[in-house]
Amino acid sequence: MFSHGDITKDLSRAKKFFEDIISYTVGPYSLDEMISKRINTLNIIDVREYNDYVEGHIPYAIHIPYKEAKEHLDMLDKEKVNIIYTYSDSCPRAYNTALELIEKHYPCVVLRGGFKEWKKFEFDIVKTDSDDYKKADENN
């Protein structure tokens, strides 16, 4: 096992780690800009629980429950960037879902801070009537 001092002295490993974080995550401001300028090039995927999704989600987000990601790949397009989010950075669901999708060759990034960070900056939030959501789900 490495001590904290040993890990922090490995600067090349640290540099790669932080470069990867920057490359494979997107912040709320960047996502808001992407939504307004190029929504047709991305899928926004909310992997939170159903009740949380209907109570409020990022505009254009599709709900794919965390445990069902592999079952809903037909909803996604490999030509688009898949932006995945969950509650906050303390919840690993977005990262785990990204790993699953990447294994199936879907390009992915994770929203830094999740929905909590999105709300903090007071960007638009969409609420869904649960009856409408269930009808749409039945039609697919």
N, C-alpha and C. Protein backbone atom coordinates (compact mmCIF):
# COMPACT_ATOMS: atom_id res chain seq x y z
N MET A 1 0.85 -1.18 0.00
CA MET A 1 0.00 0.00 0.00
C MET A 1 0.90 1.24 0.00
N PHE A 2 0.49 2.23 -0.76
CA PHE A 2 1.23 3.49 -0.83
C PHE A 2 0.77 4.43 0.26
N SER A 3 1.70 5.22 0.75
CA SER A 3 1.31 6.29 1.67
C SER A 3 0.92 7.50 0.84
N HIS A 4 0.23 8.42 1.46
CA HIS A 4 -0.19 9.65 0.77
C HIS A 4 1.00 10.36 0.14
N GLY A 5 2.10 10.42 0.86
CA GLY A 5 3.30 11.08 0.34
C GLY A 5 3.85 10.41 -0.90
N ASP A 6 3.82 9.06 -0.94
CA ASP A 6 4.31 8.33 -2.12
C ASP A 6 3.47 8.64 -3.35
N ILE A 7 2.16 8.66 -3.17
CA ILE A 7 1.26 8.90 -4.31
C ILE A 7 1.43 10.32 -4.83
N THR A 8 1.50 11.29 -3.97
CA THR A 8 1.58 12.68 -4.42
C THR A 8 2.93 13.00 -5.06
N LYS A 9 3.93 12.18 -4.84
CA LYS A 9 5.24 12.41 -5.47
C LYS A 9 5.30 11.85 -6.89
N ASP A 10 4.35 11.02 -7.26
CA ASP A 10 4.31 10.47 -8.62
C ASP A 10 3.60 11.49 -9.52
N LEU A 11 4.35 12.50 -9.91
CA LEU A 11 3.74 13.63 -10.63
C LEU A 11 3.24 13.26 -12.01
N SER A 12 3.87 12.34 -12.70
CA SER A 12 3.38 11.96 -14.03
C SER A 12 2.04 11.24 -13.92
N ARG A 13 1.90 10.40 -12.92
CA ARG A 13 0.62 9.72 -12.69
C ARG A 13 -0.46 10.73 -12.30
N ALA A 14 -0.11 11.67 -11.46
CA ALA A 14 -1.06 12.71 -11.04
C ALA A 14 -1.48 13.56 -12.23
N LYS A 15 -0.52 13.92 -13.07
CA LYS A 15 -0.84 14.73 -14.26
C LYS A 15 -1.82 14.01 -15.16
N LYS A 16 -1.58 12.73 -15.42
CA LYS A 16 -2.48 11.96 -16.28
C LYS A 16 -3.88 11.87 -15.65
N PHE A 17 -3.93 11.65 -14.34
CA PHE A 17 -5.21 11.58 -13.65
C PHE A 17 -6.01 12.86 -13.85
N PHE A 18 -5.39 14.01 -13.63
CA PHE A 18 -6.11 15.29 -13.74
C PHE A 18 -6.43 15.63 -15.19
N GLU A 19 -5.58 15.25 -16.13
CA GLU A 19 -5.90 15.44 -17.54
C GLU A 19 -7.13 14.61 -17.92
N ASP A 20 -7.19 13.40 -17.40
CA ASP A 20 -8.34 12.54 -17.69
C ASP A 20 -9.63 13.10 -17.10
N ILE A 21 -9.55 13.65 -15.90
CA ILE A 21 -10.74 14.26 -15.30
C ILE A 21 -11.26 15.39 -16.18
N ILE A 22 -10.35 16.22 -16.64
CA ILE A 22 -10.74 17.34 -17.50
C ILE A 22 -11.31 16.85 -18.82
N SER A 23 -10.71 15.83 -19.39
CA SER A 23 -11.13 15.32 -20.69
C SER A 23 -12.46 14.58 -20.65
N TYR A 24 -12.77 13.92 -19.56
CA TYR A 24 -13.93 13.05 -19.53
C TYR A 24 -15.03 13.51 -18.58
N THR A 25 -15.00 14.79 -18.26
CA THR A 25 -16.09 15.40 -17.50
C THR A 25 -16.43 16.73 -18.14
N VAL A 26 -17.62 17.22 -17.83
CA VAL A 26 -18.06 18.52 -18.33
C VAL A 26 -18.74 19.23 -17.15
N GLY A 27 -18.54 20.53 -17.05
CA GLY A 27 -19.16 21.30 -15.99
C GLY A 27 -20.53 21.82 -16.40
N PRO A 28 -21.31 22.30 -15.44
CA PRO A 28 -22.65 22.79 -15.74
C PRO A 28 -22.68 23.93 -16.77
N TYR A 29 -21.75 24.87 -16.67
CA TYR A 29 -21.74 25.98 -17.64
C TYR A 29 -21.51 25.46 -19.06
N SER A 30 -20.57 24.56 -19.21
CA SER A 30 -20.29 24.00 -20.54
C SER A 30 -21.48 23.22 -21.05
N LEU A 31 -22.12 22.45 -20.19
CA LEU A 31 -23.28 21.68 -20.63
C LEU A 31 -24.41 22.60 -21.04
N ASP A 32 -24.65 23.65 -20.29
CA ASP A 32 -25.70 24.60 -20.64
C ASP A 32 -25.44 25.20 -22.03
N GLU A 33 -24.20 25.53 -22.30
CA GLU A 33 -23.83 26.07 -23.61
C GLU A 33 -24.01 25.01 -24.70
N MET A 34 -23.64 23.78 -24.41
CA MET A 34 -23.81 22.70 -25.39
C MET A 34 -25.27 22.48 -25.71
N ILE A 35 -26.12 22.57 -24.70
CA ILE A 35 -27.56 22.39 -24.92
C ILE A 35 -28.08 23.48 -25.85
N SER A 36 -27.64 24.71 -25.65
CA SER A 36 -28.17 25.80 -26.46
C SER A 36 -27.59 25.83 -27.87
N LYS A 37 -26.39 25.29 -28.06
CA LYS A 37 -25.75 25.41 -29.37
C LYS A 37 -25.71 24.12 -30.18
N ARG A 38 -25.69 22.96 -29.51
CA ARG A 38 -25.55 21.73 -30.29
C ARG A 38 -26.20 20.52 -29.62
N ILE A 39 -27.43 20.68 -29.22
CA ILE A 39 -28.14 19.60 -28.55
C ILE A 39 -28.25 18.36 -29.43
N ASN A 40 -28.27 18.52 -30.74
CA ASN A 40 -28.41 17.38 -31.64
C ASN A 40 -27.18 16.48 -31.68
N THR A 41 -26.09 16.90 -31.04
CA THR A 41 -24.87 16.10 -31.05
C THR A 41 -24.66 15.34 -29.75
N LEU A 42 -25.64 15.39 -28.85
CA LEU A 42 -25.44 14.72 -27.57
C LEU A 42 -26.71 14.10 -27.03
N ASN A 43 -26.49 13.14 -26.16
CA ASN A 43 -27.55 12.56 -25.34
C ASN A 43 -27.23 12.93 -23.90
N ILE A 44 -28.20 13.45 -23.20
CA ILE A 44 -28.02 13.75 -21.78
C ILE A 44 -28.78 12.65 -21.04
N ILE A 45 -28.07 11.95 -20.18
CA ILE A 45 -28.64 10.76 -19.54
C ILE A 45 -28.68 10.93 -18.03
N ASP A 46 -29.87 10.87 -17.48
CA ASP A 46 -30.09 10.97 -16.04
C ASP A 46 -30.22 9.55 -15.50
N VAL A 47 -29.30 9.14 -14.62
CA VAL A 47 -29.33 7.78 -14.09
C VAL A 47 -29.83 7.73 -12.65
N ARG A 48 -30.49 8.80 -12.21
CA ARG A 48 -31.04 8.82 -10.86
C ARG A 48 -32.31 7.97 -10.78
N GLU A 49 -32.89 7.90 -9.63
CA GLU A 49 -34.13 7.15 -9.44
C GLU A 49 -35.29 7.86 -10.16
N TYR A 50 -36.30 7.08 -10.52
CA TYR A 50 -37.46 7.57 -11.26
C TYR A 50 -38.10 8.80 -10.61
N ASN A 51 -38.39 8.74 -9.32
CA ASN A 51 -39.06 9.85 -8.63
C ASN A 51 -38.24 11.13 -8.70
N ASP A 52 -36.94 11.01 -8.60
CA ASP A 52 -36.08 12.19 -8.67
C ASP A 52 -36.08 12.78 -10.08
N TYR A 53 -36.11 11.93 -11.09
CA TYR A 53 -36.16 12.40 -12.47
C TYR A 53 -37.44 13.19 -12.73
N VAL A 54 -38.59 12.66 -12.36
CA VAL A 54 -39.86 13.36 -12.64
C VAL A 54 -39.98 14.64 -11.83
N GLU A 55 -39.36 14.69 -10.65
CA GLU A 55 -39.43 15.91 -9.84
C GLU A 55 -38.58 17.03 -10.42
N GLY A 56 -37.61 16.71 -11.23
CA GLY A 56 -36.81 17.73 -11.89
C GLY A 56 -35.56 17.14 -12.50
N HIS A 57 -35.30 17.53 -13.77
CA HIS A 57 -34.11 17.04 -14.47
C HIS A 57 -33.63 18.10 -15.45
N ILE A 58 -32.46 17.88 -15.99
CA ILE A 58 -31.86 18.80 -16.97
C ILE A 58 -32.67 18.72 -18.26
N PRO A 59 -32.91 19.86 -18.92
CA PRO A 59 -33.64 19.83 -20.19
C PRO A 59 -33.02 18.84 -21.18
N TYR A 60 -33.86 18.15 -21.90
CA TYR A 60 -33.51 17.16 -22.91
C TYR A 60 -32.94 15.87 -22.34
N ALA A 61 -32.86 15.75 -21.03
CA ALA A 61 -32.32 14.52 -20.44
C ALA A 61 -33.31 13.37 -20.61
N ILE A 62 -32.75 12.22 -20.93
CA ILE A 62 -33.55 11.01 -20.96
C ILE A 62 -33.26 10.24 -19.68
N HIS A 63 -34.25 9.56 -19.21
CA HIS A 63 -34.08 8.80 -17.97
C HIS A 63 -33.74 7.36 -18.31
N ILE A 64 -32.56 6.95 -17.89
CA ILE A 64 -32.16 5.56 -17.98
C ILE A 64 -31.71 5.17 -16.58
N PRO A 65 -32.54 4.44 -15.86
CA PRO A 65 -32.16 4.07 -14.50
C PRO A 65 -30.80 3.39 -14.46
N TYR A 66 -30.05 3.70 -13.45
CA TYR A 66 -28.69 3.20 -13.29
C TYR A 66 -28.59 1.69 -13.50
N LYS A 67 -29.46 0.95 -12.88
CA LYS A 67 -29.39 -0.50 -12.95
C LYS A 67 -29.85 -1.07 -14.28
N GLU A 68 -30.41 -0.23 -15.15
CA GLU A 68 -30.97 -0.71 -16.42
C GLU A 68 -30.23 -0.18 -17.64
N ALA A 69 -29.07 0.40 -17.46
CA ALA A 69 -28.36 1.03 -18.58
C ALA A 69 -28.14 0.08 -19.75
N LYS A 70 -27.70 -1.12 -19.47
CA LYS A 70 -27.42 -2.08 -20.56
C LYS A 70 -28.68 -2.46 -21.33
N GLU A 71 -29.82 -2.39 -20.68
CA GLU A 71 -31.08 -2.76 -21.32
C GLU A 71 -31.63 -1.67 -22.23
N HIS A 72 -31.10 -0.45 -22.13
CA HIS A 72 -31.65 0.67 -22.88
C HIS A 72 -30.66 1.27 -23.88
N LEU A 73 -29.71 0.49 -24.33
CA LEU A 73 -28.73 1.00 -25.28
C LEU A 73 -29.38 1.43 -26.60
N ASP A 74 -30.53 0.86 -26.92
CA ASP A 74 -31.23 1.22 -28.16
C ASP A 74 -31.71 2.67 -28.14
N MET A 75 -31.74 3.30 -26.98
CA MET A 75 -32.14 4.70 -26.87
C MET A 75 -31.00 5.66 -27.22
N LEU A 76 -29.80 5.12 -27.36
CA LEU A 76 -28.61 5.95 -27.53
C LEU A 76 -28.05 5.83 -28.94
N ASP A 77 -27.21 6.78 -29.28
CA ASP A 77 -26.58 6.84 -30.59
C ASP A 77 -25.07 6.91 -30.38
N LYS A 78 -24.34 5.99 -30.98
CA LYS A 78 -22.88 5.96 -30.82
C LYS A 78 -22.20 7.15 -31.49
N GLU A 79 -22.92 7.87 -32.31
CA GLU A 79 -22.36 9.04 -32.99
C GLU A 79 -22.48 10.30 -32.14
N LYS A 80 -23.19 10.20 -31.05
CA LYS A 80 -23.37 11.35 -30.16
C LYS A 80 -22.56 11.15 -28.89
N VAL A 81 -22.23 12.26 -28.24
CA VAL A 81 -21.57 12.20 -26.94
C VAL A 81 -22.65 11.99 -25.89
N ASN A 82 -22.46 11.02 -25.03
CA ASN A 82 -23.40 10.71 -23.97
C ASN A 82 -22.92 11.38 -22.69
N ILE A 83 -23.70 12.33 -22.21
CA ILE A 83 -23.35 13.06 -20.99
C ILE A 83 -24.22 12.49 -19.87
N ILE A 84 -23.56 11.90 -18.91
CA ILE A 84 -24.26 11.16 -17.86
C ILE A 84 -24.19 11.94 -16.55
N TYR A 85 -25.31 11.96 -15.84
CA TYR A 85 -25.28 12.61 -14.53
C TYR A 85 -26.15 11.85 -13.54
N THR A 86 -25.81 12.09 -12.29
CA THR A 86 -26.56 11.55 -11.17
C THR A 86 -26.74 12.66 -10.14
N TYR A 87 -26.85 12.32 -8.88
CA TYR A 87 -27.14 13.30 -7.84
C TYR A 87 -26.01 14.31 -7.64
N SER A 88 -24.81 13.80 -7.40
CA SER A 88 -23.65 14.66 -7.12
C SER A 88 -22.38 13.86 -7.35
N ASP A 89 -21.25 14.49 -7.13
CA ASP A 89 -19.98 13.79 -7.31
C ASP A 89 -19.77 12.67 -6.29
N SER A 90 -20.49 12.71 -5.19
CA SER A 90 -20.32 11.67 -4.19
C SER A 90 -21.04 10.37 -4.58
N CYS A 91 -21.86 10.42 -5.61
CA CYS A 91 -22.58 9.23 -6.08
C CYS A 91 -21.85 8.67 -7.31
N PRO A 92 -21.39 7.42 -7.25
CA PRO A 92 -20.61 6.85 -8.35
C PRO A 92 -21.43 6.33 -9.53
N ARG A 93 -22.74 6.45 -9.50
CA ARG A 93 -23.58 5.87 -10.55
C ARG A 93 -23.23 6.39 -11.95
N ALA A 94 -22.95 7.67 -12.09
CA ALA A 94 -22.64 8.21 -13.41
C ALA A 94 -21.34 7.61 -13.94
N TYR A 95 -20.34 7.51 -13.09
CA TYR A 95 -19.06 6.93 -13.52
C TYR A 95 -19.21 5.45 -13.86
N ASN A 96 -19.96 4.73 -13.06
CA ASN A 96 -20.18 3.31 -13.34
C ASN A 96 -20.95 3.11 -14.64
N THR A 97 -21.96 3.95 -14.87
CA THR A 97 -22.72 3.86 -16.13
C THR A 97 -21.82 4.20 -17.31
N ALA A 98 -20.99 5.22 -17.16
CA ALA A 98 -20.06 5.59 -18.24
C ALA A 98 -19.14 4.41 -18.58
N LEU A 99 -18.64 3.74 -17.58
CA LEU A 99 -17.79 2.57 -17.83
C LEU A 99 -18.54 1.49 -18.61
N GLU A 100 -19.79 1.24 -18.23
CA GLU A 100 -20.59 0.24 -18.95
C GLU A 100 -20.80 0.64 -20.40
N LEU A 101 -21.10 1.92 -20.63
CA LEU A 101 -21.35 2.37 -22.01
C LEU A 101 -20.07 2.38 -22.83
N ILE A 102 -18.99 2.78 -22.23
CA ILE A 102 -17.71 2.81 -22.95
C ILE A 102 -17.32 1.39 -23.38
N GLU A 103 -17.59 0.42 -22.54
CA GLU A 103 -17.31 -0.98 -22.91
C GLU A 103 -18.09 -1.39 -24.15
N LYS A 104 -19.22 -0.75 -24.39
CA LYS A 104 -20.05 -1.03 -25.57
C LYS A 104 -19.78 -0.02 -26.69
N HIS A 105 -18.72 0.76 -26.56
CA HIS A 105 -18.25 1.71 -27.58
C HIS A 105 -19.13 2.95 -27.75
N TYR A 106 -19.77 3.40 -26.66
CA TYR A 106 -20.51 4.65 -26.67
C TYR A 106 -19.63 5.72 -26.03
N PRO A 107 -19.36 6.83 -26.73
CA PRO A 107 -18.54 7.89 -26.13
C PRO A 107 -19.28 8.55 -24.97
N CYS A 108 -18.59 8.75 -23.86
CA CYS A 108 -19.23 9.26 -22.65
C CYS A 108 -18.37 10.29 -21.93
N VAL A 109 -19.06 11.21 -21.28
CA VAL A 109 -18.47 12.09 -20.28
C VAL A 109 -19.46 12.18 -19.13
N VAL A 110 -18.98 12.64 -17.99
CA VAL A 110 -19.81 12.76 -16.80
C VAL A 110 -19.95 14.23 -16.43
N LEU A 111 -21.13 14.63 -16.01
CA LEU A 111 -21.36 15.99 -15.54
C LEU A 111 -20.75 16.15 -14.15
N ARG A 112 -19.75 17.01 -14.04
CA ARG A 112 -19.12 17.27 -12.74
C ARG A 112 -20.14 17.89 -11.79
N GLY A 113 -20.24 17.33 -10.61
CA GLY A 113 -21.15 17.86 -9.61
C GLY A 113 -22.56 17.34 -9.72
N GLY A 114 -22.88 16.69 -10.83
CA GLY A 114 -24.21 16.11 -11.01
C GLY A 114 -25.34 17.13 -10.98
N PHE A 115 -26.52 16.64 -10.72
CA PHE A 115 -27.72 17.48 -10.72
C PHE A 115 -27.65 18.54 -9.62
N LYS A 116 -27.02 18.20 -8.53
CA LYS A 116 -26.88 19.15 -7.42
C LYS A 116 -26.15 20.41 -7.88
N GLU A 117 -25.07 20.22 -8.63
CA GLU A 117 -24.30 21.36 -9.13
C GLU A 117 -25.09 22.13 -10.19
N TRP A 118 -25.82 21.44 -11.05
CA TRP A 118 -26.66 22.07 -12.06
C TRP A 118 -27.67 23.02 -11.39
N LYS A 119 -28.34 22.52 -10.35
CA LYS A 119 -29.32 23.33 -9.63
C LYS A 119 -28.66 24.51 -8.92
N LYS A 120 -27.48 24.31 -8.41
CA LYS A 120 -26.77 25.38 -7.68
C LYS A 120 -26.61 26.62 -8.55
N PHE A 121 -26.38 26.43 -9.84
CA PHE A 121 -26.20 27.56 -10.75
C PHE A 121 -27.50 28.04 -11.37
N GLU A 122 -28.61 27.45 -10.92
CA GLU A 122 -29.95 27.87 -11.32
C GLU A 122 -30.20 27.80 -12.82
N PHE A 123 -29.63 26.77 -13.46
CA PHE A 123 -29.97 26.52 -14.86
C PHE A 123 -31.36 25.92 -14.92
N ASP A 124 -31.95 25.90 -16.12
CA ASP A 124 -33.30 25.39 -16.30
C ASP A 124 -33.44 23.96 -15.79
N ILE A 125 -34.60 23.69 -15.22
CA ILE A 125 -34.95 22.35 -14.76
C ILE A 125 -36.33 22.02 -15.32
N VAL A 126 -36.49 20.81 -15.79
CA VAL A 126 -37.76 20.35 -16.35
C VAL A 126 -38.39 19.38 -15.37
N LYS A 127 -39.67 19.58 -15.12
CA LYS A 127 -40.43 18.63 -14.31
C LYS A 127 -41.33 17.84 -15.23
N THR A 128 -41.48 16.57 -14.95
CA THR A 128 -42.28 15.69 -15.79
C THR A 128 -43.45 15.16 -15.00
N ASP A 129 -44.63 15.23 -15.58
CA ASP A 129 -45.80 14.62 -14.96
C ASP A 129 -45.59 13.11 -15.01
N SER A 130 -45.66 12.45 -13.88
CA SER A 130 -45.38 11.02 -13.84
C SER A 130 -46.33 10.22 -14.73
N ASP A 131 -47.58 10.67 -14.90
CA ASP A 131 -48.51 9.96 -15.79
C ASP A 131 -48.06 10.07 -17.23
N ASP A 132 -47.61 11.25 -17.65
CA ASP A 132 -47.11 11.44 -19.02
C ASP A 132 -45.86 10.59 -19.24
N TYR A 133 -45.01 10.52 -18.25
CA TYR A 133 -43.78 9.75 -18.36
C TYR A 133 -44.12 8.26 -18.53
N LYS A 134 -45.07 7.77 -17.76
CA LYS A 134 -45.44 6.35 -17.87
C LYS A 134 -46.06 6.05 -19.22
N LYS A 135 -46.89 6.96 -19.76
CA LYS A 135 -47.49 6.75 -21.08
C LYS A 135 -46.42 6.73 -22.16
N ALA A 136 -45.46 7.64 -22.09
CA ALA A 136 -44.38 7.66 -23.08
C ALA A 136 -43.56 6.39 -23.00
N ASP A 137 -43.32 5.91 -21.80
CA ASP A 137 -42.53 4.69 -21.60
C ASP A 137 -43.28 3.48 -22.19
N GLU A 138 -44.60 3.46 -22.02
CA GLU A 138 -45.39 2.35 -22.55
C GLU A 138 -45.40 2.35 -24.07
N ASN A 139 -45.31 3.53 -24.71
CA ASN A 139 -45.33 3.64 -26.15
C ASN A 139 -44.01 3.26 -26.80
N ASN A 140 -42.93 3.19 -26.04
CA ASN A 140 -41.62 2.85 -26.60
C ASN A 140 -41.36 1.38 -26.61
